[in-house]
N, C-alpha and C. Protein backbone atom coordinates (compact mmCIF):
# COMPACT_ATOMS: atom_id res chain seq x y z
N MET A 1 -10.09 6.21 -25.65
CA MET A 1 -9.94 6.35 -24.21
C MET A 1 -11.24 5.98 -23.52
N ASN A 2 -11.14 5.21 -22.44
CA ASN A 2 -12.35 4.91 -21.68
C ASN A 2 -12.57 6.01 -20.65
N THR A 3 -13.67 5.92 -19.93
CA THR A 3 -14.05 6.98 -18.98
C THR A 3 -13.00 7.17 -17.89
N ASP A 4 -12.46 6.05 -17.38
CA ASP A 4 -11.45 6.15 -16.32
C ASP A 4 -10.18 6.83 -16.82
N SER A 5 -9.71 6.44 -18.01
CA SER A 5 -8.49 7.05 -18.53
C SER A 5 -8.71 8.50 -18.92
N THR A 6 -9.92 8.83 -19.36
CA THR A 6 -10.24 10.23 -19.68
C THR A 6 -10.22 11.07 -18.40
N ALA A 7 -10.82 10.54 -17.33
CA ALA A 7 -10.82 11.26 -16.05
C ALA A 7 -9.40 11.45 -15.54
N LEU A 8 -8.57 10.41 -15.68
CA LEU A 8 -7.17 10.51 -15.25
C LEU A 8 -6.43 11.55 -16.08
N TYR A 9 -6.57 11.50 -17.40
CA TYR A 9 -5.91 12.47 -18.27
C TYR A 9 -6.35 13.90 -17.92
N ASP A 10 -7.64 14.10 -17.74
CA ASP A 10 -8.16 15.44 -17.42
C ASP A 10 -7.60 15.93 -16.09
N ALA A 11 -7.50 15.04 -15.10
CA ALA A 11 -6.96 15.42 -13.79
C ALA A 11 -5.49 15.80 -13.91
N VAL A 12 -4.73 15.03 -14.67
CA VAL A 12 -3.31 15.33 -14.86
C VAL A 12 -3.16 16.65 -15.61
N ARG A 13 -3.91 16.82 -16.67
CA ARG A 13 -3.83 18.04 -17.48
C ARG A 13 -4.11 19.29 -16.65
N ALA A 14 -5.05 19.19 -15.71
CA ALA A 14 -5.43 20.33 -14.88
C ALA A 14 -4.44 20.56 -13.72
N SER A 15 -3.57 19.61 -13.47
CA SER A 15 -2.65 19.73 -12.33
C SER A 15 -1.39 20.50 -12.70
N ARG A 16 -0.69 20.95 -11.67
CA ARG A 16 0.57 21.64 -11.89
C ARG A 16 1.65 20.71 -12.41
N LEU A 17 1.45 19.40 -12.26
CA LEU A 17 2.43 18.44 -12.79
C LEU A 17 2.58 18.58 -14.30
N ALA A 18 1.52 18.98 -14.98
CA ALA A 18 1.52 19.05 -16.44
C ALA A 18 1.87 20.42 -16.99
N GLU A 19 2.26 21.36 -16.13
CA GLU A 19 2.62 22.69 -16.62
C GLU A 19 3.73 22.60 -17.64
N GLY A 20 3.50 23.20 -18.78
CA GLY A 20 4.51 23.23 -19.83
C GLY A 20 4.57 21.97 -20.68
N LEU A 21 3.67 21.02 -20.45
CA LEU A 21 3.66 19.80 -21.25
C LEU A 21 2.64 19.90 -22.38
N SER A 22 2.98 19.31 -23.50
CA SER A 22 2.04 19.22 -24.62
C SER A 22 0.97 18.18 -24.28
N PRO A 23 -0.13 18.15 -25.02
CA PRO A 23 -1.13 17.10 -24.79
C PRO A 23 -0.55 15.68 -24.90
N GLU A 24 0.36 15.48 -25.84
CA GLU A 24 0.98 14.17 -26.00
C GLU A 24 1.85 13.82 -24.80
N GLN A 25 2.63 14.79 -24.31
CA GLN A 25 3.47 14.56 -23.14
C GLN A 25 2.60 14.33 -21.90
N THR A 26 1.49 15.04 -21.80
CA THR A 26 0.57 14.85 -20.68
C THR A 26 0.01 13.43 -20.71
N ALA A 27 -0.29 12.92 -21.88
CA ALA A 27 -0.81 11.56 -22.00
C ALA A 27 0.23 10.54 -21.52
N VAL A 28 1.49 10.77 -21.85
CA VAL A 28 2.57 9.89 -21.38
C VAL A 28 2.65 9.94 -19.86
N LEU A 29 2.61 11.14 -19.31
CA LEU A 29 2.67 11.30 -17.85
C LEU A 29 1.47 10.63 -17.19
N ALA A 30 0.29 10.79 -17.76
CA ALA A 30 -0.93 10.22 -17.18
C ALA A 30 -0.83 8.70 -17.06
N GLN A 31 -0.10 8.07 -17.96
CA GLN A 31 0.06 6.61 -17.89
C GLN A 31 0.85 6.18 -16.67
N LEU A 32 1.58 7.10 -16.07
CA LEU A 32 2.40 6.78 -14.90
C LEU A 32 1.67 7.01 -13.58
N LEU A 33 0.54 7.71 -13.64
CA LEU A 33 -0.17 8.09 -12.42
C LEU A 33 -1.42 7.25 -12.20
N ARG A 34 -1.88 7.26 -10.96
CA ARG A 34 -3.17 6.65 -10.61
C ARG A 34 -4.06 7.75 -10.05
N LEU A 35 -5.35 7.63 -10.28
CA LEU A 35 -6.33 8.53 -9.70
C LEU A 35 -7.04 7.75 -8.60
N ARG A 36 -6.91 8.22 -7.38
CA ARG A 36 -7.48 7.50 -6.23
C ARG A 36 -8.59 8.34 -5.60
N THR A 37 -9.72 7.69 -5.31
CA THR A 37 -10.86 8.34 -4.68
C THR A 37 -10.97 7.83 -3.25
N LEU A 38 -11.09 8.77 -2.30
CA LEU A 38 -11.16 8.42 -0.88
C LEU A 38 -12.37 9.07 -0.24
N GLN A 39 -12.87 8.44 0.80
CA GLN A 39 -13.97 8.99 1.58
C GLN A 39 -13.41 9.91 2.67
N ALA A 40 -14.28 10.66 3.30
CA ALA A 40 -13.86 11.54 4.40
C ALA A 40 -13.29 10.71 5.54
N ARG A 41 -12.26 11.25 6.18
CA ARG A 41 -11.59 10.67 7.35
C ARG A 41 -10.78 9.41 7.04
N GLU A 42 -10.45 9.20 5.78
CA GLU A 42 -9.55 8.08 5.44
C GLU A 42 -8.11 8.55 5.63
N VAL A 43 -7.28 7.66 6.16
CA VAL A 43 -5.86 7.96 6.32
C VAL A 43 -5.15 7.54 5.05
N LEU A 44 -4.59 8.51 4.38
CA LEU A 44 -3.88 8.25 3.13
C LEU A 44 -2.46 7.79 3.41
N ALA A 45 -1.83 8.37 4.43
CA ALA A 45 -0.47 8.01 4.81
C ALA A 45 -0.27 8.33 6.28
N ARG A 46 0.52 7.50 6.95
CA ARG A 46 0.73 7.67 8.40
C ARG A 46 2.06 8.34 8.72
N GLU A 47 2.03 9.17 9.74
CA GLU A 47 3.22 9.83 10.27
C GLU A 47 4.27 8.77 10.57
N GLY A 48 5.51 9.06 10.19
CA GLY A 48 6.62 8.14 10.47
C GLY A 48 6.86 7.11 9.38
N SER A 49 5.87 6.90 8.51
CA SER A 49 6.08 5.93 7.43
C SER A 49 6.92 6.58 6.33
N ALA A 50 7.59 5.74 5.56
CA ALA A 50 8.40 6.23 4.45
C ALA A 50 7.95 5.52 3.19
N ASP A 51 7.85 6.26 2.11
CA ASP A 51 7.50 5.65 0.83
C ASP A 51 8.00 6.53 -0.30
N ASN A 52 7.66 6.15 -1.50
CA ASN A 52 8.13 6.86 -2.70
C ASN A 52 6.98 7.51 -3.45
N LEU A 53 5.95 7.96 -2.73
CA LEU A 53 4.74 8.46 -3.38
C LEU A 53 4.58 9.96 -3.25
N LEU A 54 4.18 10.58 -4.34
CA LEU A 54 3.79 11.98 -4.36
C LEU A 54 2.29 12.01 -4.59
N TYR A 55 1.59 12.85 -3.81
CA TYR A 55 0.15 13.01 -3.97
C TYR A 55 -0.14 14.42 -4.47
N VAL A 56 -1.11 14.52 -5.36
CA VAL A 56 -1.60 15.81 -5.84
C VAL A 56 -3.11 15.82 -5.60
N VAL A 57 -3.58 16.80 -4.83
CA VAL A 57 -5.01 16.88 -4.55
C VAL A 57 -5.73 17.35 -5.82
N VAL A 58 -6.67 16.54 -6.28
CA VAL A 58 -7.47 16.90 -7.46
C VAL A 58 -8.72 17.63 -7.00
N THR A 59 -9.46 17.01 -6.11
CA THR A 59 -10.64 17.64 -5.49
C THR A 59 -10.69 17.21 -4.03
N GLY A 60 -11.30 18.06 -3.21
CA GLY A 60 -11.43 17.72 -1.80
C GLY A 60 -10.40 18.43 -0.95
N ALA A 61 -10.04 17.78 0.17
CA ALA A 61 -9.09 18.40 1.10
C ALA A 61 -8.39 17.33 1.92
N LEU A 62 -7.08 17.52 2.09
CA LEU A 62 -6.27 16.64 2.93
C LEU A 62 -5.79 17.42 4.12
N GLY A 63 -5.93 16.86 5.30
CA GLY A 63 -5.35 17.46 6.48
C GLY A 63 -3.98 16.86 6.72
N VAL A 64 -3.01 17.71 6.99
CA VAL A 64 -1.69 17.25 7.41
C VAL A 64 -1.76 17.25 8.93
N VAL A 65 -1.80 16.05 9.52
CA VAL A 65 -2.14 15.90 10.94
C VAL A 65 -0.98 15.30 11.72
N LYS A 66 -0.56 16.00 12.73
CA LYS A 66 0.50 15.53 13.63
C LYS A 66 -0.16 14.78 14.79
N ASN A 67 0.46 13.69 15.21
CA ASN A 67 -0.02 12.88 16.35
C ASN A 67 -1.44 12.38 16.17
N LEU A 68 -1.73 11.86 14.99
CA LEU A 68 -3.07 11.36 14.67
C LEU A 68 -3.54 10.34 15.70
N GLY A 69 -4.78 10.52 16.16
CA GLY A 69 -5.39 9.57 17.07
C GLY A 69 -4.97 9.67 18.52
N THR A 70 -4.25 10.73 18.86
CA THR A 70 -3.84 10.93 20.25
C THR A 70 -4.47 12.21 20.78
N ALA A 71 -4.29 12.43 22.08
CA ALA A 71 -4.81 13.65 22.69
C ALA A 71 -4.11 14.89 22.15
N ASP A 72 -2.92 14.71 21.59
CA ASP A 72 -2.14 15.83 21.05
C ASP A 72 -2.35 16.04 19.55
N GLU A 73 -3.36 15.40 18.98
CA GLU A 73 -3.61 15.52 17.54
C GLU A 73 -3.81 16.97 17.15
N ALA A 74 -3.14 17.37 16.07
CA ALA A 74 -3.26 18.75 15.59
C ALA A 74 -3.14 18.76 14.07
N THR A 75 -4.06 19.46 13.42
CA THR A 75 -3.98 19.65 11.98
C THR A 75 -3.08 20.84 11.72
N ILE A 76 -1.99 20.59 11.04
CA ILE A 76 -0.99 21.63 10.78
C ILE A 76 -1.41 22.52 9.63
N VAL A 77 -1.90 21.90 8.57
CA VAL A 77 -2.32 22.65 7.38
C VAL A 77 -3.35 21.81 6.62
N THR A 78 -4.16 22.48 5.86
CA THR A 78 -5.13 21.81 5.00
C THR A 78 -4.70 22.01 3.55
N LEU A 79 -4.53 20.90 2.84
CA LEU A 79 -4.16 20.95 1.43
C LEU A 79 -5.41 20.87 0.59
N LYS A 80 -5.48 21.72 -0.42
CA LYS A 80 -6.68 21.80 -1.27
C LYS A 80 -6.32 21.51 -2.72
N ASP A 81 -7.30 21.65 -3.58
CA ASP A 81 -7.13 21.34 -5.01
C ASP A 81 -5.83 21.92 -5.55
N GLY A 82 -5.04 21.07 -6.18
CA GLY A 82 -3.79 21.50 -6.80
C GLY A 82 -2.57 21.36 -5.92
N ASP A 83 -2.75 21.23 -4.61
CA ASP A 83 -1.61 21.13 -3.71
C ASP A 83 -0.93 19.76 -3.81
N PHE A 84 0.38 19.76 -3.58
CA PHE A 84 1.17 18.53 -3.54
C PHE A 84 1.34 18.11 -2.08
N ALA A 85 1.52 16.81 -1.88
CA ALA A 85 1.80 16.30 -0.54
C ALA A 85 2.97 15.33 -0.61
N HIS A 86 3.90 15.48 0.30
CA HIS A 86 5.07 14.60 0.47
C HIS A 86 6.10 14.78 -0.64
N GLU A 87 6.30 16.02 -1.09
CA GLU A 87 7.23 16.29 -2.17
C GLU A 87 8.66 15.85 -1.84
N LEU A 88 9.15 16.23 -0.67
CA LEU A 88 10.54 15.92 -0.34
C LEU A 88 10.72 14.43 -0.05
N GLY A 89 9.77 13.83 0.64
CA GLY A 89 9.84 12.39 0.88
C GLY A 89 9.77 11.60 -0.41
N PHE A 90 9.03 12.11 -1.36
CA PHE A 90 8.95 11.50 -2.69
C PHE A 90 10.34 11.46 -3.32
N LEU A 91 11.09 12.53 -3.13
CA LEU A 91 12.41 12.62 -3.75
C LEU A 91 13.47 11.82 -3.02
N ASP A 92 13.43 11.82 -1.68
CA ASP A 92 14.52 11.18 -0.94
C ASP A 92 14.12 10.03 -0.03
N GLY A 93 12.83 9.70 0.06
CA GLY A 93 12.39 8.57 0.87
C GLY A 93 12.36 8.83 2.36
N ALA A 94 12.48 10.09 2.77
CA ALA A 94 12.47 10.43 4.19
C ALA A 94 11.11 10.09 4.80
N PRO A 95 11.09 9.72 6.09
CA PRO A 95 9.81 9.42 6.75
C PRO A 95 8.91 10.65 6.81
N ARG A 96 7.62 10.39 6.84
CA ARG A 96 6.63 11.47 6.90
C ARG A 96 6.64 12.15 8.26
N TYR A 97 6.57 13.46 8.24
CA TYR A 97 6.53 14.25 9.46
C TYR A 97 5.15 14.18 10.10
N ALA A 98 4.12 14.00 9.29
CA ALA A 98 2.74 13.98 9.78
C ALA A 98 1.92 13.06 8.89
N SER A 99 0.73 12.72 9.36
CA SER A 99 -0.19 11.88 8.60
C SER A 99 -0.98 12.73 7.62
N LEU A 100 -1.48 12.08 6.57
CA LEU A 100 -2.37 12.72 5.61
C LEU A 100 -3.74 12.08 5.77
N VAL A 101 -4.74 12.91 6.09
CA VAL A 101 -6.08 12.43 6.35
C VAL A 101 -7.06 13.23 5.50
N THR A 102 -7.97 12.54 4.82
CA THR A 102 -8.97 13.26 4.03
C THR A 102 -9.97 13.92 4.98
N LEU A 103 -10.31 15.14 4.71
CA LEU A 103 -11.26 15.88 5.54
C LEU A 103 -12.67 15.79 4.96
N VAL A 104 -12.76 15.60 3.68
CA VAL A 104 -14.02 15.43 2.94
C VAL A 104 -13.74 14.38 1.86
N PRO A 105 -14.74 13.91 1.15
CA PRO A 105 -14.42 13.02 0.02
C PRO A 105 -13.40 13.70 -0.90
N THR A 106 -12.37 12.97 -1.26
CA THR A 106 -11.21 13.56 -1.92
C THR A 106 -10.70 12.65 -3.04
N GLN A 107 -10.22 13.28 -4.11
CA GLN A 107 -9.52 12.56 -5.16
C GLN A 107 -8.09 13.07 -5.22
N VAL A 108 -7.15 12.14 -5.36
CA VAL A 108 -5.75 12.50 -5.47
C VAL A 108 -5.12 11.75 -6.64
N LEU A 109 -4.15 12.40 -7.24
CA LEU A 109 -3.27 11.73 -8.19
C LEU A 109 -2.12 11.14 -7.38
N VAL A 110 -1.69 9.94 -7.74
CA VAL A 110 -0.61 9.27 -7.04
C VAL A 110 0.49 8.97 -8.05
N LEU A 111 1.71 9.41 -7.74
CA LEU A 111 2.86 9.17 -8.60
C LEU A 111 3.95 8.47 -7.80
N GLU A 112 4.44 7.35 -8.32
CA GLU A 112 5.55 6.63 -7.70
C GLU A 112 6.86 7.15 -8.29
N ARG A 113 7.85 7.34 -7.42
CA ARG A 113 9.14 7.87 -7.86
C ARG A 113 9.76 7.03 -8.98
N GLU A 114 9.72 5.71 -8.85
CA GLU A 114 10.34 4.84 -9.86
C GLU A 114 9.67 4.98 -11.21
N LYS A 115 8.38 5.20 -11.23
CA LYS A 115 7.69 5.40 -12.51
C LYS A 115 8.14 6.70 -13.16
N LEU A 116 8.30 7.74 -12.35
CA LEU A 116 8.80 9.00 -12.91
C LEU A 116 10.22 8.84 -13.40
N GLU A 117 11.04 8.13 -12.63
CA GLU A 117 12.44 7.92 -13.03
C GLU A 117 12.56 7.12 -14.32
N SER A 118 11.53 6.34 -14.66
CA SER A 118 11.57 5.56 -15.90
C SER A 118 11.64 6.47 -17.13
N LEU A 119 11.31 7.74 -16.96
CA LEU A 119 11.35 8.69 -18.08
C LEU A 119 12.75 9.22 -18.38
N VAL A 120 13.73 8.89 -17.54
CA VAL A 120 15.09 9.41 -17.73
C VAL A 120 15.58 9.12 -19.15
N VAL A 121 15.38 7.92 -19.62
CA VAL A 121 15.86 7.54 -20.95
C VAL A 121 14.84 7.84 -22.03
N THR A 122 13.56 7.54 -21.76
CA THR A 122 12.55 7.64 -22.82
C THR A 122 12.04 9.05 -23.06
N ASP A 123 11.82 9.82 -21.98
CA ASP A 123 11.23 11.16 -22.12
C ASP A 123 11.82 12.13 -21.09
N PRO A 124 13.09 12.46 -21.21
CA PRO A 124 13.71 13.31 -20.19
C PRO A 124 13.08 14.70 -20.06
N ARG A 125 12.51 15.24 -21.14
CA ARG A 125 11.86 16.56 -21.06
C ARG A 125 10.65 16.53 -20.14
N ILE A 126 9.88 15.45 -20.20
CA ILE A 126 8.73 15.31 -19.30
C ILE A 126 9.23 15.23 -17.86
N LEU A 127 10.23 14.43 -17.62
CA LEU A 127 10.82 14.31 -16.29
C LEU A 127 11.28 15.67 -15.78
N TYR A 128 11.97 16.41 -16.64
CA TYR A 128 12.45 17.74 -16.25
C TYR A 128 11.30 18.67 -15.88
N ARG A 129 10.25 18.70 -16.69
CA ARG A 129 9.10 19.58 -16.41
C ARG A 129 8.41 19.20 -15.11
N VAL A 130 8.24 17.90 -14.85
CA VAL A 130 7.61 17.46 -13.61
C VAL A 130 8.48 17.84 -12.41
N MET A 131 9.77 17.64 -12.53
CA MET A 131 10.67 18.01 -11.42
C MET A 131 10.62 19.53 -11.18
N CYS A 132 10.53 20.31 -12.23
CA CYS A 132 10.39 21.76 -12.07
C CYS A 132 9.11 22.10 -11.31
N SER A 133 8.03 21.40 -11.61
CA SER A 133 6.76 21.63 -10.90
C SER A 133 6.90 21.30 -9.42
N ILE A 134 7.58 20.22 -9.12
CA ILE A 134 7.77 19.83 -7.72
C ILE A 134 8.63 20.87 -7.00
N VAL A 135 9.69 21.30 -7.64
CA VAL A 135 10.57 22.31 -7.02
C VAL A 135 9.81 23.62 -6.81
N ARG A 136 8.98 24.02 -7.76
CA ARG A 136 8.18 25.24 -7.58
C ARG A 136 7.23 25.09 -6.39
N ALA A 137 6.64 23.92 -6.23
CA ALA A 137 5.73 23.69 -5.10
C ALA A 137 6.49 23.78 -3.77
N VAL A 138 7.66 23.18 -3.72
CA VAL A 138 8.48 23.24 -2.50
C VAL A 138 8.90 24.68 -2.24
N HIS A 139 9.26 25.41 -3.27
CA HIS A 139 9.66 26.80 -3.12
C HIS A 139 8.51 27.64 -2.57
N THR A 140 7.30 27.40 -3.04
CA THR A 140 6.13 28.13 -2.55
C THR A 140 5.91 27.88 -1.07
N VAL A 141 6.03 26.62 -0.65
CA VAL A 141 5.88 26.28 0.77
C VAL A 141 6.97 26.96 1.59
N GLN A 142 8.21 26.90 1.12
CA GLN A 142 9.32 27.50 1.84
C GLN A 142 9.15 29.01 1.96
N THR A 143 8.69 29.64 0.91
CA THR A 143 8.46 31.09 0.96
C THR A 143 7.39 31.43 1.98
N ARG A 144 6.28 30.68 1.96
CA ARG A 144 5.20 30.92 2.92
C ARG A 144 5.69 30.74 4.36
N LEU A 145 6.49 29.70 4.59
CA LEU A 145 7.02 29.47 5.94
C LEU A 145 7.96 30.60 6.37
N SER A 146 8.76 31.10 5.46
CA SER A 146 9.67 32.20 5.78
C SER A 146 8.90 33.46 6.14
N VAL A 147 7.86 33.76 5.39
CA VAL A 147 7.03 34.94 5.68
C VAL A 147 6.37 34.78 7.05
N GLN A 148 5.82 33.59 7.31
CA GLN A 148 5.17 33.36 8.60
C GLN A 148 6.16 33.45 9.75
N ALA A 149 7.37 32.92 9.57
CA ALA A 149 8.39 33.00 10.62
C ALA A 149 8.76 34.46 10.89
N SER A 150 8.89 35.24 9.82
CA SER A 150 9.21 36.65 9.98
C SER A 150 8.11 37.39 10.72
N GLU A 151 6.86 37.12 10.34
CA GLU A 151 5.73 37.77 11.01
C GLU A 151 5.66 37.37 12.48
N LEU A 152 5.93 36.12 12.78
CA LEU A 152 5.92 35.66 14.17
C LEU A 152 7.03 36.33 14.96
N THR A 153 8.20 36.44 14.37
CA THR A 153 9.30 37.12 15.04
C THR A 153 8.95 38.58 15.29
N ASN A 154 8.37 39.23 14.29
CA ASN A 154 7.96 40.63 14.46
C ASN A 154 6.92 40.75 15.57
N TYR A 155 6.01 39.83 15.62
CA TYR A 155 4.97 39.85 16.65
C TYR A 155 5.59 39.68 18.04
N ILE A 156 6.47 38.70 18.17
CA ILE A 156 7.07 38.40 19.49
C ILE A 156 7.93 39.58 19.97
N PHE A 157 8.72 40.12 19.08
CA PHE A 157 9.63 41.20 19.49
C PHE A 157 9.11 42.58 19.19
N LYS A 158 7.87 42.66 18.66
CA LYS A 158 7.22 43.94 18.36
C LYS A 158 8.12 44.86 17.54
N GLN A 159 8.74 44.29 16.54
CA GLN A 159 9.62 45.06 15.69
C GLN A 159 8.82 45.83 14.65
N HIS A 160 9.37 46.86 14.18
CA HIS A 160 8.83 47.64 13.07
C HIS A 160 7.48 48.28 13.39
N GLY A 161 7.06 48.26 14.61
CA GLY A 161 5.84 48.93 15.03
C GLY A 161 4.57 48.42 14.39
N ARG A 162 4.57 47.20 13.87
CA ARG A 162 3.38 46.71 13.18
C ARG A 162 2.42 45.99 14.11
N TYR A 163 2.84 45.62 15.30
CA TYR A 163 1.94 44.83 16.14
C TYR A 163 1.69 45.47 17.46
């Protein structure tokens, strides 16, 4: 393994994408991914665009930014090491709700949907484990949003005497 492939393997192994994979399976998965290094304030993806890419933050931070470059620009959330970006769009090709912008120098793993789908015949267990990781990430986001919505409702209506 050369230095670049070792860095890629190590990044994949440390990511949630490789949960439950053996070292050999991780090596197969690593062959499907790219490790991309970006400087601060680089736009990784633009709001409204559609593609088949899943990003995993290795190091650094990505801002999920609505209305990038306008007076209404707002950072919705900051994604940090281990976080996934564009999970649902990766699965169904839906347009991006917001732009992804690096806040500091950042490294991301990049996975194309078609490359993952190539495992259907050759390595379905790897495909299954990666899909489980993506579903767990989406579930975590959905749970956090539900809790926040509940807290906001409680705050607005002053329910349960907590606010």
